[in-house]
């Protein structure tokens, strides 16, 4: 990884911590898959787009309805628990 890529990732992580009021280091708890039977849906301000079959990194189990996740493009957002399947 080049220095430029490393700095870009650090910037994305800082923006995530500010936007979601996340304190501490960002660690991946587990990986989960979006239900392949789920319907595709665009993301919102703090929600990730719903792509069936996508593997997501779980950052935090926030509440009974949502999980804070990171996708393969290093974008952060909430995902409904109802559409998540354990790997």
Protein backbone atom coordinates (compact mmCIF):
# COMPACT_ATOMS: atom_id res chain seq x y z
CA UNK A 1 0.00 0.00 0.00
CA UNK A 2 1.38 3.37 -0.96
CA UNK A 3 1.63 6.34 1.38
CA UNK A 4 -1.11 8.13 -0.58
CA UNK A 5 -3.52 5.18 -0.23
CA UNK A 6 -2.72 4.89 3.48
CA UNK A 7 -3.46 8.58 4.10
CA UNK A 8 -6.71 8.31 2.12
CA UNK A 9 -7.86 5.37 4.26
CA UNK A 10 -6.98 7.27 7.46
CA UNK A 11 -9.05 10.22 6.23
CA UNK A 12 -12.04 7.96 5.46
CA UNK A 13 -11.75 6.39 8.93
CA UNK A 14 -11.65 9.82 10.63
CA UNK A 15 -14.74 10.95 8.69
CA UNK A 16 -16.51 7.75 9.74
CA UNK A 17 -15.66 8.34 13.41
CA UNK A 18 -16.94 11.92 13.22
CA UNK A 19 -20.12 11.11 11.26
CA UNK A 20 -21.18 8.15 13.43
CA UNK A 21 -19.75 9.50 16.72
CA UNK A 22 -17.65 6.34 16.99
CA UNK A 23 -14.95 6.36 19.65
CA UNK A 24 -11.90 4.13 19.82
CA UNK A 25 -10.21 2.07 17.17
CA UNK A 26 -12.13 0.54 14.29
CA UNK A 27 -12.04 -3.24 14.60
CA UNK A 28 -13.94 -5.81 12.59
CA UNK A 29 -15.99 -8.03 14.90
CA UNK A 30 -17.11 -10.52 12.24
CA UNK A 31 -18.22 -10.76 8.65
CA UNK A 32 -21.81 -11.28 7.57
CA UNK A 33 -23.55 -11.68 4.24
CA UNK A 34 -26.57 -9.79 2.97
CA UNK A 35 -29.41 -12.24 2.30
CA UNK A 36 -29.31 -13.24 -1.41
CA UNK A 37 -33.13 -13.17 -1.44
CA UNK A 38 -33.24 -9.53 -0.29
CA UNK A 39 -34.25 -6.86 -2.78
CA UNK A 40 -31.60 -4.39 -3.89
CA UNK A 41 -32.02 -0.95 -2.33
CA UNK A 42 -30.15 2.34 -2.51
CA UNK A 43 -28.39 3.63 0.57
CA UNK A 44 -29.33 6.76 2.45
CA UNK A 45 -27.40 9.33 4.46
CA UNK A 46 -26.12 6.84 7.02
CA UNK A 47 -27.26 3.57 5.41
CA UNK A 48 -25.27 1.34 3.10
CA UNK A 49 -26.82 0.27 -0.21
CA UNK A 50 -28.44 -3.15 0.04
CA UNK A 51 -26.76 -5.52 -2.42
CA UNK A 52 -27.90 -9.16 -2.15
CA UNK A 53 -25.04 -11.59 -1.48
CA UNK A 54 -22.54 -8.88 -0.49
CA UNK A 55 -20.09 -9.70 2.31
CA UNK A 56 -19.83 -6.92 4.93
CA UNK A 57 -17.45 -6.32 7.84
CA UNK A 58 -19.39 -5.81 11.09
CA UNK A 59 -17.98 -2.90 13.10
CA UNK A 60 -20.63 -2.66 15.83
CA UNK A 61 -23.93 -4.29 16.79
CA UNK A 62 -25.76 -1.02 17.48
CA UNK A 63 -29.29 -2.16 18.40
CA UNK A 64 -31.92 -4.82 17.63
CA UNK A 65 -32.72 -3.34 14.20
CA UNK A 66 -29.36 -2.22 12.78
CA UNK A 67 -25.70 -3.16 12.49
CA UNK A 68 -22.88 -0.74 11.71
CA UNK A 69 -20.95 -2.21 8.77
CA UNK A 70 -18.23 -1.54 6.20
CA UNK A 71 -18.46 -2.76 2.61
CA UNK A 72 -15.69 -3.73 0.19
CA UNK A 73 -15.34 -0.10 -1.01
CA UNK A 74 -14.51 0.93 2.60
CA UNK A 75 -17.80 2.80 2.95
CA UNK A 76 -19.46 2.72 6.35
CA UNK A 77 -23.14 2.70 7.23
CA UNK A 78 -26.03 0.94 8.89
CA UNK A 79 -27.56 -2.27 7.59
CA UNK A 80 -30.86 -3.81 8.82
CA UNK A 81 -30.31 -6.93 10.93
CA UNK A 82 -33.26 -8.63 9.24
CA UNK A 83 -31.33 -9.03 5.97
CA UNK A 84 -28.00 -10.17 7.47
CA UNK A 85 -26.88 -13.80 7.55
CA UNK A 86 -23.89 -15.19 9.48
CA UNK A 87 -21.10 -16.74 7.41
